[in-house]
Amino acid sequence: MSSAITRPTYSPGFPAAKATASNPSSLVGHASVIDGDTIEIHGERVRFNGIDAPEATQTCKDGNGATYRCGARAAEWRPSTSS
């Protein structure tokens, strides 16, 4: 099942998308998750505006000031299946 994704007109870190005959205004296909705010469809990366997710290599500090790999922890997180 494929879904249409409309490209953002501007996204920080990625060039603005232009709609042309060779570059349509939407992408259709299987999306691969790159990180918490970016997907890729047919080699075209799409970053979601308004989403602030840690990058895969990002580190953070916990409440005690200790550094931890928050990006890796976020990537490994899975929702609980128990109710």
PDB file of N, CA and C in Angstrom:
ATOM      1  N   MET A   1       0.839  -1.168   0.000  1.00  0.00           N
ATOM      2  CA  MET A   1       0.000   0.000   0.000  1.00  0.00           C
ATOM      3  C   MET A   1       0.889   1.237   0.000  1.00  0.00           C
ATOM      4  N   SER A   2       0.654   2.158  -0.889  1.00  0.00           N
ATOM      5  CA  SER A   2       1.439   3.374  -0.991  1.00  0.00           C
ATOM      6  C   SER A   2       0.590   4.562  -0.583  1.00  0.00           C
ATOM      7  N   SER A   3       1.246   5.535  -0.005  1.00  0.00           N
ATOM      8  CA  SER A   3       0.579   6.773   0.377  1.00  0.00           C
ATOM      9  C   SER A   3       1.269   7.933  -0.294  1.00  0.00           C
ATOM     10  N   ALA A   4       0.514   8.947  -0.645  1.00  0.00           N
ATOM     11  CA  ALA A   4       1.102  10.145  -1.238  1.00  0.00           C
ATOM     12  C   ALA A   4       1.604  11.044  -0.128  1.00  0.00           C
ATOM     13  N   ILE A   5       2.809  11.557  -0.276  1.00  0.00           N
ATOM     14  CA  ILE A   5       3.402  12.494   0.671  1.00  0.00           C
ATOM     15  C   ILE A   5       3.636  13.794  -0.079  1.00  0.00           C
ATOM     16  N   THR A   6       3.068  14.865   0.398  1.00  0.00           N
ATOM     17  CA  THR A   6       3.307  16.162  -0.225  1.00  0.00           C
ATOM     18  C   THR A   6       4.588  16.735   0.346  1.00  0.00           C
ATOM     19  N   ARG A   7       5.491  17.129  -0.542  1.00  0.00           N
ATOM     20  CA  ARG A   7       6.766  17.674  -0.103  1.00  0.00           C
ATOM     21  C   ARG A   7       6.565  19.029   0.557  1.00  0.00           C
ATOM     22  N   PRO A   8       7.344  19.310   1.592  1.00  0.00           N
ATOM     23  CA  PRO A   8       7.264  20.635   2.201  1.00  0.00           C
ATOM     24  C   PRO A   8       7.866  21.667   1.257  1.00  0.00           C
ATOM     25  N   THR A   9       7.400  22.898   1.350  1.00  0.00           N
ATOM     26  CA  THR A   9       7.971  23.943   0.513  1.00  0.00           C
ATOM     27  C   THR A   9       9.309  24.395   1.066  1.00  0.00           C
ATOM     28  N   TYR A  10       9.529  24.265   2.362  1.00  0.00           N
ATOM     29  CA  TYR A  10      10.813  24.597   2.961  1.00  0.00           C
ATOM     30  C   TYR A  10      10.992  23.758   4.197  1.00  0.00           C
ATOM     31  N   SER A  11      12.188  23.271   4.388  1.00  0.00           N
ATOM     32  CA  SER A  11      12.493  22.498   5.564  1.00  0.00           C
ATOM     33  C   SER A  11      13.942  22.759   5.956  1.00  0.00           C
ATOM     34  N   PRO A  12      14.218  23.231   7.171  1.00  0.00           N
ATOM     35  CA  PRO A  12      15.593  23.508   7.569  1.00  0.00           C
ATOM     36  C   PRO A  12      16.482  22.293   7.375  1.00  0.00           C
ATOM     37  N   GLY A  13      17.645  22.500   6.793  1.00  0.00           N
ATOM     38  CA  GLY A  13      18.578  21.411   6.566  1.00  0.00           C
ATOM     39  C   GLY A  13      18.400  20.723   5.233  1.00  0.00           C
ATOM     40  N   PHE A  14      17.324  20.988   4.557  1.00  0.00           N
ATOM     41  CA  PHE A  14      17.061  20.407   3.256  1.00  0.00           C
ATOM     42  C   PHE A  14      16.676  21.524   2.299  1.00  0.00           C
ATOM     43  N   PRO A  15      17.072  21.439   1.029  1.00  0.00           N
ATOM     44  CA  PRO A  15      16.698  22.490   0.087  1.00  0.00           C
ATOM     45  C   PRO A  15      15.194  22.516  -0.145  1.00  0.00           C
ATOM     46  N   ALA A  16      14.698  23.674  -0.510  1.00  0.00           N
ATOM     47  CA  ALA A  16      13.271  23.807  -0.807  1.00  0.00           C
ATOM     48  C   ALA A  16      12.929  22.950  -2.014  1.00  0.00           C
ATOM     49  N   ALA A  17      11.784  22.304  -1.968  1.00  0.00           N
ATOM     50  CA  ALA A  17      11.356  21.461  -3.086  1.00  0.00           C
ATOM     51  C   ALA A  17      10.617  22.309  -4.103  1.00  0.00           C
ATOM     52  N   LYS A  18      10.881  22.065  -5.367  1.00  0.00           N
ATOM     53  CA  LYS A  18      10.182  22.757  -6.441  1.00  0.00           C
ATOM     54  C   LYS A  18       9.359  21.736  -7.208  1.00  0.00           C
ATOM     55  N   ALA A  19       8.140  22.089  -7.541  1.00  0.00           N
ATOM     56  CA  ALA A  19       7.293  21.196  -8.323  1.00  0.00           C
ATOM     57  C   ALA A  19       7.527  21.479  -9.800  1.00  0.00           C
ATOM     58  N   THR A  20       8.031  20.493 -10.522  1.00  0.00           N
ATOM     59  CA  THR A  20       8.240  20.581 -11.963  1.00  0.00           C
ATOM     60  C   THR A  20       7.784  19.276 -12.580  1.00  0.00           C
ATOM     61  N   ALA A  21       7.845  19.157 -13.891  1.00  0.00           N
ATOM     62  CA  ALA A  21       7.447  17.909 -14.556  1.00  0.00           C
ATOM     63  C   ALA A  21       8.312  16.752 -14.077  1.00  0.00           C
ATOM     64  N   SER A  22       9.610  16.989 -13.870  1.00  0.00           N
ATOM     65  CA  SER A  22      10.497  15.910 -13.428  1.00  0.00           C
ATOM     66  C   SER A  22      10.541  15.806 -11.904  1.00  0.00           C
ATOM     67  N   ASN A  23       9.962  16.747 -11.210  1.00  0.00           N
ATOM     68  CA  ASN A  23       9.958  16.773  -9.761  1.00  0.00           C
ATOM     69  C   ASN A  23       8.542  17.098  -9.288  1.00  0.00           C
ATOM     70  N   PRO A  24       7.635  16.119  -9.304  1.00  0.00           N
ATOM     71  CA  PRO A  24       6.235  16.391  -8.958  1.00  0.00           C
ATOM     72  C   PRO A  24       6.096  16.865  -7.519  1.00  0.00           C
ATOM     73  N   SER A  25       4.923  17.436  -7.220  1.00  0.00           N
ATOM     74  CA  SER A  25       4.702  17.993  -5.889  1.00  0.00           C
ATOM     75  C   SER A  25       4.380  16.937  -4.845  1.00  0.00           C
ATOM     76  N   SER A  26       4.274  15.670  -5.221  1.00  0.00           N
ATOM     77  CA  SER A  26       4.052  14.624  -4.235  1.00  0.00           C
ATOM     78  C   SER A  26       4.881  13.405  -4.584  1.00  0.00           C
ATOM     79  N   LEU A  27       5.157  12.605  -3.568  1.00  0.00           N
ATOM     80  CA  LEU A  27       5.895  11.351  -3.723  1.00  0.00           C
ATOM     81  C   LEU A  27       4.965  10.215  -3.360  1.00  0.00           C
ATOM     82  N   VAL A  28       5.050   9.133  -4.080  1.00  0.00           N
ATOM     83  CA  VAL A  28       4.237   7.962  -3.781  1.00  0.00           C
ATOM     84  C   VAL A  28       5.175   6.770  -3.695  1.00  0.00           C
ATOM     85  N   GLY A  29       5.054   5.998  -2.646  1.00  0.00           N
ATOM     86  CA  GLY A  29       5.879   4.810  -2.518  1.00  0.00           C
ATOM     87  C   GLY A  29       6.064   4.427  -1.065  1.00  0.00           C
ATOM     88  N   HIS A  30       6.879   3.407  -0.857  1.00  0.00           N
ATOM     89  CA  HIS A  30       7.185   2.903   0.473  1.00  0.00           C
ATOM     90  C   HIS A  30       8.161   3.860   1.145  1.00  0.00           C
ATOM     91  N   ALA A  31       7.840   4.318   2.341  1.00  0.00           N
ATOM     92  CA  ALA A  31       8.703   5.238   3.081  1.00  0.00           C
ATOM     93  C   ALA A  31       9.590   4.454   4.037  1.00  0.00           C
ATOM     94  N   SER A  32      10.869   4.806   4.048  1.00  0.00           N
ATOM     95  CA  SER A  32      11.817   4.274   5.024  1.00  0.00           C
ATOM     96  C   SER A  32      12.088   5.364   6.051  1.00  0.00           C
ATOM     97  N   VAL A  33      12.095   5.000   7.312  1.00  0.00           N
ATOM     98  CA  VAL A  33      12.353   5.970   8.368  1.00  0.00           C
ATOM     99  C   VAL A  33      13.854   6.174   8.490  1.00  0.00           C
ATOM    100  N   ILE A  34      14.280   7.433   8.377  1.00  0.00           N
ATOM    101  CA  ILE A  34      15.683   7.775   8.533  1.00  0.00           C
ATOM    102  C   ILE A  34      15.964   8.114   9.990  1.00  0.00           C
ATOM    103  N   ASP A  35      15.162   8.961  10.568  1.00  0.00           N
ATOM    104  CA  ASP A  35      15.212   9.279  11.992  1.00  0.00           C
ATOM    105  C   ASP A  35      13.841   9.801  12.409  1.00  0.00           C
ATOM    106  N   GLY A  36      13.745  10.398  13.580  1.00  0.00           N
ATOM    107  CA  GLY A  36      12.447  10.785  14.130  1.00  0.00           C
ATOM    108  C   GLY A  36      11.683  11.830  13.356  1.00  0.00           C
ATOM    109  N   ASP A  37      12.368  12.568  12.485  1.00  0.00           N
ATOM    110  CA  ASP A  37      11.669  13.607  11.728  1.00  0.00           C
ATOM    111  C   ASP A  37      11.960  13.565  10.235  1.00  0.00           C
ATOM    112  N   THR A  38      12.512  12.446   9.751  1.00  0.00           N
ATOM    113  CA  THR A  38      12.865  12.335   8.332  1.00  0.00           C
ATOM    114  C   THR A  38      12.515  10.954   7.799  1.00  0.00           C
ATOM    115  N   ILE A  39      11.894  10.929   6.611  1.00  0.00           N
ATOM    116  CA  ILE A  39      11.653   9.675   5.896  1.00  0.00           C
ATOM    117  C   ILE A  39      12.302   9.775   4.521  1.00  0.00           C
ATOM    118  N   GLU A  40      12.400   8.644   3.854  1.00  0.00           N
ATOM    119  CA  GLU A  40      12.947   8.624   2.498  1.00  0.00           C
ATOM    120  C   GLU A  40      12.056   7.764   1.617  1.00  0.00           C
ATOM    121  N   ILE A  41      11.702   8.316   0.450  1.00  0.00           N
ATOM    122  CA  ILE A  41      10.891   7.596  -0.534  1.00  0.00           C
ATOM    123  C   ILE A  41      11.630   7.686  -1.861  1.00  0.00           C
ATOM    124  N   HIS A  42      11.990   6.549  -2.424  1.00  0.00           N
ATOM    125  CA  HIS A  42      12.697   6.497  -3.701  1.00  0.00           C
ATOM    126  C   HIS A  42      13.926   7.403  -3.708  1.00  0.00           C
ATOM    127  N   GLY A  43      14.709   7.387  -2.624  1.00  0.00           N
ATOM    128  CA  GLY A  43      15.937   8.180  -2.545  1.00  0.00           C
ATOM    129  C   GLY A  43      15.725   9.651  -2.243  1.00  0.00           C
ATOM    130  N   GLU A  44      14.485  10.079  -2.092  1.00  0.00           N
ATOM    131  CA  GLU A  44      14.161  11.485  -1.815  1.00  0.00           C
ATOM    132  C   GLU A  44      13.849  11.618  -0.327  1.00  0.00           C
ATOM    133  N   ARG A  45      14.657  12.407   0.379  1.00  0.00           N
ATOM    134  CA  ARG A  45      14.425  12.598   1.810  1.00  0.00           C
ATOM    135  C   ARG A  45      13.419  13.707   2.052  1.00  0.00           C
ATOM    136  N   VAL A  46      12.519  13.448   2.988  1.00  0.00           N
ATOM    137  CA  VAL A  46      11.477  14.406   3.354  1.00  0.00           C
ATOM    138  C   VAL A  46      11.580  14.611   4.856  1.00  0.00           C
ATOM    139  N   ARG A  47      11.817  15.850   5.270  1.00  0.00           N
ATOM    140  CA  ARG A  47      11.876  16.186   6.699  1.00  0.00           C
ATOM    141  C   ARG A  47      10.561  16.855   7.083  1.00  0.00           C
ATOM    142  N   PHE A  48      10.002  16.418   8.204  1.00  0.00           N
ATOM    143  CA  PHE A  48       8.735  16.966   8.680  1.00  0.00           C
ATOM    144  C   PHE A  48       8.984  18.250   9.457  1.00  0.00           C
ATOM    145  N   ASN A  49       8.314  19.312   9.062  1.00  0.00           N
ATOM    146  CA  ASN A  49       8.403  20.584   9.787  1.00  0.00           C
ATOM    147  C   ASN A  49       7.628  20.476  11.090  1.00  0.00           C
ATOM    148  N   GLY A  50       8.108  21.140  12.118  1.00  0.00           N
ATOM    149  CA  GLY A  50       7.406  21.172  13.389  1.00  0.00           C
ATOM    150  C   GLY A  50       7.658  19.971  14.275  1.00  0.00           C
ATOM    151  N   ILE A  51       8.484  19.037  13.828  1.00  0.00           N
ATOM    152  CA  ILE A  51       8.828  17.860  14.624  1.00  0.00           C
ATOM    153  C   ILE A  51      10.252  18.046  15.126  1.00  0.00           C
ATOM    154  N   ASP A  52      10.452  17.963  16.423  1.00  0.00           N
ATOM    155  CA  ASP A  52      11.788  18.080  16.991  1.00  0.00           C
ATOM    156  C   ASP A  52      12.134  16.747  17.620  1.00  0.00           C
ATOM    157  N   ALA A  53      12.911  15.965  16.921  1.00  0.00           N
ATOM    158  CA  ALA A  53      13.302  14.640  17.399  1.00  0.00           C
ATOM    159  C   ALA A  53      14.821  14.575  17.474  1.00  0.00           C
ATOM    160  N   PRO A  54      15.379  13.845  18.434  1.00  0.00           N
ATOM    161  CA  PRO A  54      16.834  13.743  18.513  1.00  0.00           C
ATOM    162  C   PRO A  54      17.408  13.062  17.269  1.00  0.00           C
ATOM    163  N   GLU A  55      18.557  13.532  16.829  1.00  0.00           N
ATOM    164  CA  GLU A  55      19.264  12.880  15.733  1.00  0.00           C
ATOM    165  C   GLU A  55      19.898  11.599  16.266  1.00  0.00           C
ATOM    166  N   ALA A  56      20.182  10.644  15.387  1.00  0.00           N
ATOM    167  CA  ALA A  56      20.664   9.328  15.804  1.00  0.00           C
ATOM    168  C   ALA A  56      21.937   9.411  16.651  1.00  0.00           C
ATOM    169  N   THR A  57      22.819  10.353  16.367  1.00  0.00           N
ATOM    170  CA  THR A  57      24.094  10.443  17.089  1.00  0.00           C
ATOM    171  C   THR A  57      24.077  11.483  18.207  1.00  0.00           C
ATOM    172  N   GLN A  58      22.914  12.072  18.480  1.00  0.00           N
ATOM    173  CA  GLN A  58      22.823  13.147  19.471  1.00  0.00           C
ATOM    174  C   GLN A  58      23.005  12.627  20.886  1.00  0.00           C
ATOM    175  N   THR A  59      23.698  13.413  21.718  1.00  0.00           N
ATOM    176  CA  THR A  59      23.811  13.104  23.138  1.00  0.00           C
ATOM    177  C   THR A  59      23.068  14.175  23.934  1.00  0.00           C
ATOM    178  N   CYS A  60      22.619  13.791  25.126  1.00  0.00           N
ATOM    179  CA  CYS A  60      21.889  14.693  26.012  1.00  0.00           C
ATOM    180  C   CYS A  60      22.431  14.505  27.425  1.00  0.00           C
ATOM    181  N   LYS A  61      21.984  15.354  28.339  1.00  0.00           N
ATOM    182  CA  LYS A  61      22.348  15.213  29.746  1.00  0.00           C
ATOM    183  C   LYS A  61      21.092  14.884  30.545  1.00  0.00           C
ATOM    184  N   ASP A  62      21.241  13.942  31.471  1.00  0.00           N
ATOM    185  CA  ASP A  62      20.101  13.587  32.312  1.00  0.00           C
ATOM    186  C   ASP A  62      19.987  14.565  33.476  1.00  0.00           C
ATOM    187  N   GLY A  63      19.068  14.336  34.382  1.00  0.00           N
ATOM    188  CA  GLY A  63      18.827  15.224  35.508  1.00  0.00           C
ATOM    189  C   GLY A  63      20.018  15.383  36.435  1.00  0.00           C
ATOM    190  N   ASN A  64      20.943  14.430  36.401  1.00  0.00           N
ATOM    191  CA  ASN A  64      22.145  14.497  37.232  1.00  0.00           C
ATOM    192  C   ASN A  64      23.344  15.065  36.478  1.00  0.00           C
ATOM    193  N   GLY A  65      23.134  15.452  35.215  1.00  0.00           N
ATOM    194  CA  GLY A  65      24.221  16.019  34.425  1.00  0.00           C
ATOM    195  C   GLY A  65      25.070  14.993  33.690  1.00  0.00           C
ATOM    196  N   ALA A  66      24.698  13.718  33.776  1.00  0.00           N
ATOM    197  CA  ALA A  66      25.451  12.673  33.073  1.00  0.00           C
ATOM    198  C   ALA A  66      25.024  12.635  31.608  1.00  0.00           C
ATOM    199  N   THR A  67      26.001  12.472  30.723  1.00  0.00           N
ATOM    200  CA  THR A  67      25.737  12.415  29.290  1.00  0.00           C
ATOM    201  C   THR A  67      25.260  11.012  28.907  1.00  0.00           C
ATOM    202  N   TYR A  68      24.246  10.968  28.052  1.00  0.00           N
ATOM    203  CA  TYR A  68      23.780   9.686  27.517  1.00  0.00           C
ATOM    204  C   TYR A  68      23.394   9.861  26.061  1.00  0.00           C
ATOM    205  N   ARG A  69      23.312   8.770  25.334  1.00  0.00           N
ATOM    206  CA  ARG A  69      23.012   8.796  23.904  1.00  0.00           C
ATOM    207  C   ARG A  69      21.498   8.833  23.699  1.00  0.00           C
ATOM    208  N   CYS A  70      20.911  10.027  23.804  1.00  0.00           N
ATOM    209  CA  CYS A  70      19.459  10.152  23.706  1.00  0.00           C
ATOM    210  C   CYS A  70      18.952   9.824  22.301  1.00  0.00           C
ATOM    211  N   GLY A  71      19.738  10.113  21.267  1.00  0.00           N
ATOM    212  CA  GLY A  71      19.330   9.776  19.907  1.00  0.00           C
ATOM    213  C   GLY A  71      19.202   8.275  19.723  1.00  0.00           C
ATOM    214  N   ALA A  72      20.188   7.529  20.208  1.00  0.00           N
ATOM    215  CA  ALA A  72      20.141   6.069  20.114  1.00  0.00           C
ATOM    216  C   ALA A  72      19.001   5.515  20.963  1.00  0.00           C
ATOM    217  N   ARG A  73      18.816   6.090  22.135  1.00  0.00           N
ATOM    218  CA  ARG A  73      17.726   5.624  23.004  1.00  0.00           C
ATOM    219  C   ARG A  73      16.369   5.869  22.344  1.00  0.00           C
ATOM    220  N   ALA A  74      16.208   7.018  21.716  1.00  0.00           N
ATOM    221  CA  ALA A  74      14.943   7.320  21.037  1.00  0.00           C
ATOM    222  C   ALA A  74      14.714   6.365  19.867  1.00  0.00           C
ATOM    223  N   ALA A  75      15.784   6.048  19.136  1.00  0.00           N
ATOM    224  CA  ALA A  75      15.664   5.146  17.984  1.00  0.00           C
ATOM    225  C   ALA A  75      15.291   3.732  18.419  1.00  0.00           C
ATOM    226  N   GLU A  76      15.716   3.337  19.608  1.00  0.00           N
ATOM    227  CA  GLU A  76      15.449   1.981  20.103  1.00  0.00           C
ATOM    228  C   GLU A  76      14.099   1.856  20.798  1.00  0.00           C
ATOM    229  N   TRP A  77      13.465   2.994  21.129  1.00  0.00           N
ATOM    230  CA  TRP A  77      12.214   2.977  21.867  1.00  0.00           C
ATOM    231  C   TRP A  77      11.116   2.287  21.090  1.00  0.00           C
ATOM    232  N   ARG A  78      10.353   1.474  21.748  1.00  0.00           N
ATOM    233  CA  ARG A  78       9.173   0.818  21.173  1.00  0.00           C
ATOM    234  C   ARG A  78       8.022   1.028  22.129  1.00  0.00           C
ATOM    235  N   PRO A  79       6.818   1.304  21.619  1.00  0.00           N
ATOM    236  CA  PRO A  79       5.681   1.463  22.518  1.00  0.00           C
ATOM    237  C   PRO A  79       5.362   0.153  23.222  1.00  0.00           C
ATOM    238  N   SER A  80       4.848   0.269  24.413  1.00  0.00           N
ATOM    239  CA  SER A  80       4.476  -0.901  25.204  1.00  0.00           C
ATOM    240  C   SER A  80       3.269  -1.581  24.550  1.00  0.00           C
ATOM    241  N   THR A  81       3.312  -2.899  24.471  1.00  0.00           N
ATOM    242  CA  THR A  81       2.185  -3.641  23.910  1.00  0.00           C
ATOM    243  C   THR A  81       1.245  -4.123  25.015  1.00  0.00           C
ATOM    244  N   SER A  82       1.656  -3.948  26.274  1.00  0.00           N
ATOM    245  CA  SER A  82       0.765  -4.361  27.378  1.00  0.00           C
ATOM    246  C   SER A  82      -0.179  -3.227  27.734  1.00  0.00           C
ATOM    247  N   SER A  83      -1.346  -3.592  28.258  1.00  0.00           N
ATOM    248  CA  SER A  83      -2.305  -2.542  28.612  1.00  0.00           C
ATOM    249  C   SER A  83      -2.421  -2.360  30.087  1.00  0.00           C
TER     250      SER A  83
END
